[in-house]
Protein backbone atom coordinates (compact mmCIF):
# COMPACT_ATOMS: atom_id res chain seq x y z
CA MET A 1 -211.48 8.70 71.79
CA THR A 2 -211.59 5.00 71.20
CA ASN A 3 -209.01 2.61 72.51
CA LEU A 4 -208.06 -0.20 70.23
CA HIS A 5 -206.18 -3.19 71.20
CA LYS A 6 -203.93 -5.25 68.75
CA ILE A 7 -203.98 -8.89 70.16
CA PHE A 8 -201.65 -11.41 68.85
CA SER A 9 -200.48 -14.88 69.72
CA ASP A 10 -199.29 -18.33 68.50
CA TRP A 11 -203.27 -19.68 68.63
CA ASN A 12 -204.27 -23.12 68.95
CA GLU A 13 -207.30 -24.73 67.50
CA THR A 14 -209.35 -24.50 70.75
CA GLN A 15 -208.46 -20.67 71.04
CA VAL A 16 -209.31 -19.98 67.47
CA MET A 17 -213.02 -21.83 68.23
CA ILE A 18 -213.54 -19.53 71.24
CA LEU A 19 -212.59 -16.43 69.29
CA GLU A 20 -214.88 -17.53 66.28
CA ASN A 21 -217.97 -18.08 68.69
CA HIS A 22 -217.50 -14.48 69.48
CA GLY A 23 -217.43 -13.43 65.84
CA ILE A 24 -213.53 -13.12 65.54
CA LYS A 25 -211.79 -14.90 62.99
CA VAL A 26 -207.82 -15.91 63.31
CA GLU A 27 -206.04 -18.61 61.83
CA ILE A 28 -204.30 -21.38 63.69
CA GLY A 29 -200.67 -20.32 64.38
CA TYR A 30 -199.30 -16.78 64.72
CA ASP A 31 -202.01 -14.13 63.95
CA SER A 32 -203.46 -10.95 65.17
CA PHE A 33 -206.69 -8.88 65.16
CA TRP A 34 -207.63 -5.54 66.44
CA LEU A 35 -210.46 -5.25 68.86
CA ASP A 36 -211.81 -1.86 70.21
CA GLU A 37 -212.02 -1.62 74.27
CA GLY A 38 -215.73 -2.25 74.41
CA GLU A 39 -218.02 -4.81 75.80
CA LEU A 40 -216.43 -7.75 73.86
CA TYR A 41 -212.88 -6.77 74.91
CA TRP A 42 -213.50 -6.88 78.64
CA LYS A 43 -215.75 -10.31 77.97
CA LEU A 44 -212.60 -11.94 76.65
CA LYS A 45 -210.12 -10.47 78.51
CA PRO A 46 -210.06 -13.48 81.21
CA TYR A 47 -209.33 -15.45 78.25
CA PHE A 48 -206.31 -13.28 77.04
CA ASP A 49 -205.03 -13.16 80.49
CA LYS A 50 -205.10 -17.04 80.67
CA TRP A 51 -203.70 -17.50 77.26
CA LYS A 52 -200.94 -14.73 77.94
CA VAL A 53 -201.30 -13.31 74.64
CA LYS A 54 -199.46 -9.97 73.53
CA GLU A 55 -201.36 -7.14 73.17
CA THR A 56 -200.63 -3.40 72.36
CA VAL A 57 -203.08 -0.32 72.46
CA VAL A 58 -203.68 2.71 70.77
CA SER A 59 -205.87 5.37 70.91
CA LYS A 60 -207.98 6.77 68.09
CA PHE A 61 -209.40 10.38 68.35
CA SER A 62 -212.33 11.87 66.79
CA ALA A 63 -211.85 14.92 64.40
CA ILE A 64 -213.39 17.12 67.07
CA GLU A 65 -210.91 16.13 69.64
CA GLU A 66 -207.91 16.79 67.12
CA ASP A 67 -209.52 20.06 65.90
CA SER A 68 -209.77 21.19 69.55
CA ALA A 69 -206.22 20.62 70.37
CA SER A 70 -203.89 23.62 70.35
CA LEU A 71 -200.88 21.44 70.19
CA LEU A 72 -200.38 17.84 68.76
CA VAL A 73 -197.71 14.93 68.39
CA PHE A 74 -197.21 14.65 64.73
CA SER A 75 -196.00 11.57 62.94
CA SER A 76 -195.46 11.09 59.31
CA PRO A 77 -197.28 7.97 57.64
CA TRP A 78 -194.68 7.40 54.84
CA ALA A 79 -191.49 5.88 56.20
CA ASN A 80 -189.31 6.16 53.18
CA GLY A 81 -186.54 3.43 53.46
CA TYR A 82 -183.57 3.25 55.76
CA PRO A 83 -180.97 5.60 56.57
CA MET A 84 -177.52 4.55 54.96
CA PRO A 85 -175.31 2.51 55.40
CA ASP A 86 -177.86 -0.04 56.84
CA ILE A 87 -175.51 -2.82 57.84
CA ASP A 88 -174.91 -3.15 61.57
CA ASN A 89 -176.47 0.48 62.13
CA GLY A 90 -173.47 2.03 60.21
CA PHE A 91 -175.46 5.25 59.87
CA MET A 92 -175.11 5.85 63.35
CA LYS A 93 -171.17 6.35 63.14
CA THR A 94 -171.55 8.27 59.53
CA THR A 95 -174.62 10.45 60.60
CA TYR A 96 -174.20 10.97 64.25
CA ASP A 97 -171.78 11.85 66.92
CA ASP A 98 -172.02 8.91 69.24
CA THR A 99 -169.87 10.19 71.91
CA ALA A 100 -172.61 10.27 74.46
CA TYR A 101 -174.60 7.19 72.76
CA CYS A 102 -175.75 4.08 74.87
CA ASN A 103 -176.07 0.92 73.05
CA VAL A 104 -178.23 -0.51 75.76
CA CYS A 105 -181.22 2.07 75.88
CA GLY A 106 -180.52 4.08 72.54
CA MET A 107 -180.15 7.36 74.17
CA GLY A 108 -177.54 10.10 73.20
CA LEU A 109 -176.85 10.39 69.70
CA VAL A 110 -176.29 14.00 68.12
CA GLN A 111 -176.38 14.33 64.53
CA LYS A 112 -173.15 15.59 62.92
CA GLU A 113 -173.72 15.10 59.34
CA PRO A 114 -176.54 14.98 56.52
CA PHE A 115 -178.63 11.68 56.37
CA ARG A 116 -177.69 9.43 53.37
CA LEU A 117 -180.72 7.83 51.35
CA LYS A 118 -180.27 4.54 49.11
CA THR A 119 -182.32 6.05 46.33
CA LEU A 120 -183.77 9.12 45.23
CA PRO A 121 -187.31 9.80 47.17
CA LYS A 122 -190.20 9.19 44.75
CA TRP A 123 -192.37 12.33 45.41
CA SER A 124 -195.67 12.32 43.90
CA GLY A 125 -199.05 13.60 44.57
CA HIS A 126 -199.78 14.76 48.10
CA LYS A 127 -196.31 13.34 49.35
CA LYS A 128 -194.43 16.13 50.48
CA ILE A 129 -193.08 14.82 54.03
CA PHE A 130 -191.29 11.47 55.04
CA SER A 131 -189.54 10.04 57.70
CA LEU A 132 -187.05 7.09 57.76
CA ASN A 133 -187.27 3.50 59.40
CA TRP A 134 -185.39 3.52 62.61
CA VAL A 135 -185.28 7.26 62.69
CA TYR A 136 -188.55 8.39 64.13
CA ASP A 137 -187.90 12.00 65.43
CA GLU A 138 -186.76 13.83 61.91
CA LEU A 139 -188.63 14.82 59.00
CA PHE A 140 -187.51 14.95 55.33
CA ILE A 141 -189.34 17.59 53.07
CA HIS A 142 -189.85 18.17 49.44
CA LYS A 143 -187.60 21.20 48.97
CA GLU A 144 -190.21 23.18 47.10
CA PHE A 145 -192.69 22.71 49.84
CA TYR A 146 -189.88 23.76 52.47
CA GLU A 147 -189.24 26.78 50.59
CA SER A 148 -192.68 27.74 50.33
CA TYR A 149 -194.12 26.59 53.73
CA PHE A 150 -191.51 26.04 56.40
CA LYS A 151 -188.71 28.36 55.46
CA PRO A 152 -190.86 31.59 55.84
CA MET A 153 -191.43 30.50 59.46
CA GLY A 154 -187.79 30.65 59.93
CA ILE A 155 -187.44 26.92 60.17
CA GLU A 156 -184.00 25.70 58.90
CA CYS A 157 -183.07 22.70 56.80
CA MET A 158 -180.12 20.81 55.66
CA ASP A 159 -179.02 18.66 52.76
CA VAL A 160 -179.47 15.12 52.25
CA LEU A 161 -177.18 13.05 50.36
CA LEU A 162 -177.36 10.17 48.02
CA TYR A 163 -175.55 7.27 49.43
CA ARG A 164 -172.13 6.17 48.08
CA LYS A 165 -172.10 9.23 45.65
CA ASP A 166 -172.56 11.50 48.34
CA ILE A 167 -174.20 14.08 46.24
CA ILE A 168 -176.86 16.35 47.48
CA ILE A 169 -180.46 15.40 46.61
CA GLU A 170 -181.51 18.43 45.02
CA ASP A 171 -185.23 17.82 45.74
CA THR A 172 -185.12 16.73 49.36
CA VAL A 173 -184.08 18.49 52.66
CA GLN A 174 -184.27 17.63 56.22
CA LEU A 175 -186.20 19.99 58.49
CA ILE A 176 -183.94 21.05 61.52
CA ILE A 177 -186.39 20.75 64.42
CA PRO A 178 -185.72 22.65 67.56
CA GLU A 179 -186.05 21.36 70.79
CA SER A 180 -188.63 22.41 73.21
CA GLY A 181 -187.50 24.97 76.06
CA SER A 182 -190.03 23.56 78.77
CA SER A 183 -190.34 19.85 79.87
CA LEU A 184 -193.46 17.51 79.63
CA MET A 185 -195.87 17.22 82.72
CA ILE A 186 -195.04 13.64 82.78
CA GLU A 187 -194.99 12.92 86.26
CA GLY A 188 -196.77 9.61 86.97
CA TYR A 189 -195.89 8.23 83.50
CA SER A 190 -193.80 5.14 83.23
CA PHE A 191 -190.20 5.20 82.74
CA GLU A 192 -186.89 3.38 83.43
CA VAL A 193 -183.35 4.39 84.46
CA CYS A 194 -180.91 2.90 82.17
CA LYS A 195 -178.69 0.43 84.19
CA SER A 196 -175.73 1.31 81.61
CA CYS A 197 -175.77 4.96 81.54
CA GLY A 198 -178.16 6.02 84.32
CA ARG A 199 -180.37 8.23 82.06
CA LYS A 200 -184.15 8.39 82.11
CA ARG A 201 -186.05 7.00 79.36
CA TYR A 202 -190.05 7.24 79.49
CA ASP A 203 -192.18 4.42 77.83
CA LEU A 204 -194.04 5.35 74.34
CA ILE A 205 -196.98 6.90 74.92
CA ASN A 206 -199.88 5.27 72.84
CA ARG A 207 -202.78 5.62 74.90
CA GLY A 208 -204.89 8.67 75.71
CA PHE A 209 -204.16 12.20 75.29
CA PHE A 210 -200.65 13.21 75.33
CA PRO A 211 -199.55 15.29 78.43
CA PRO A 212 -198.84 19.00 77.96
CA PHE A 213 -195.97 20.97 78.46
CA LYS A 214 -195.33 22.97 81.80
CA GLU A 215 -195.01 26.05 79.54
CA ARG A 216 -196.59 27.06 76.56
CA GLN A 217 -194.45 26.99 73.26
CA SER A 218 -195.88 30.27 72.14
CA VAL A 219 -192.98 30.98 69.58
CA LEU A 220 -192.24 27.51 68.12
CA ASN A 221 -194.45 26.14 65.51
CA ILE A 222 -192.98 22.69 65.32
CA PHE A 223 -190.26 21.44 67.78
CA LYS A 224 -189.03 18.11 69.69
CA SER A 225 -189.70 16.91 73.24
CA LYS A 226 -186.67 17.31 75.68
CA GLU A 227 -187.34 13.81 77.19
CA TRP A 228 -186.44 10.42 75.48
CA PHE A 229 -189.08 7.58 74.62
CA GLY A 230 -188.77 4.13 73.52
CA THR A 231 -187.99 0.41 74.20
CA GLY A 232 -185.50 -2.04 74.17
CA ALA A 233 -182.25 -0.35 72.45
CA ASN A 234 -184.48 2.24 70.86
CA ALA A 235 -184.73 6.02 71.94
CA ARG A 236 -186.51 9.03 70.18
CA LYS A 237 -188.06 12.32 71.08
CA TYR A 238 -191.72 13.23 70.10
CA ILE A 239 -192.46 15.73 67.48
CA PHE A 240 -195.08 18.47 68.20
CA ILE A 241 -196.98 20.78 65.82
CA ASN A 242 -199.46 23.47 66.48
CA GLN A 243 -203.07 23.62 65.30
CA SER A 244 -202.52 25.98 62.55
CA ILE A 245 -199.84 23.93 60.98
CA ARG A 246 -202.17 20.60 61.18
CA THR A 247 -205.15 22.62 59.74
CA GLU A 248 -203.08 23.89 56.56
CA LEU A 249 -201.57 20.23 56.34
CA ILE A 250 -205.10 18.73 56.01
CA ASP A 251 -206.05 21.52 53.60
CA LEU A 252 -203.07 20.72 51.39
CA LYS A 253 -204.37 16.87 51.71
CA LEU A 254 -201.17 15.90 53.34
CA LYS A 255 -201.78 12.81 55.45
CA ALA A 256 -200.27 12.31 58.74
CA GLY A 257 -200.67 11.00 62.43
CA TYR A 258 -201.76 13.04 65.11
CA ILE A 259 -202.29 12.76 68.96
CA PRO A 260 -204.03 15.60 70.55
CA CYS A 261 -201.94 17.07 73.79
CA LYS A 262 -204.04 17.66 76.95
CA GLU A 263 -204.73 21.31 77.48
CA LEU A 264 -203.04 23.10 80.63
């Protein structure tokens, strides 16, 4: 596992010169760069702290680490547009029951109707799965792939509609992903209690192996966490798959992102 830091700031000339002396090239003004968490990162860390730069960190895992995990967080690399209507989050009223929704933390939406897309998906090559911008915990599948792969597992789907016309998109379905019956072993991870609704939401987990579930999910091949995660006014649930699905997706040359879970 390697931790990578994305460093970004509004750089001045002196800062640019210092970074260049360490082999890092950035432009004066707003710019960013990636740096692995090695000797150079820790050498420059006092500068970063002094300059009050912003940084995010993500962990990259080896093939062996991913191959060894029985359970992994799954994310689609293809964000295919936005849910519609996209003005003033209109899709929330159209697609979700927002009775329990909190506009401070983003938790509480419950889907009631199909998603609507602005245009027909452009399926090509090995693209068979996509997600939507703003919606990180739902997956949309090429219908033939669903019929041949997910349906035999007993995983259900629902229609997806073309916006304004409200007609069914024949070659696309949304996967109905069940929720885990077990909680994550997430004690000690950062969270906040929303001041408006009083519910708990955990910070996004980008660093290190993902925590395991308290009980093994022996029946489900793909499922969501019970817990909410997010920042600002956004909240999501993570999607998990077992190793057999990951292996088959790789064999089918379907690209995706994976975070291995710790083993119990």
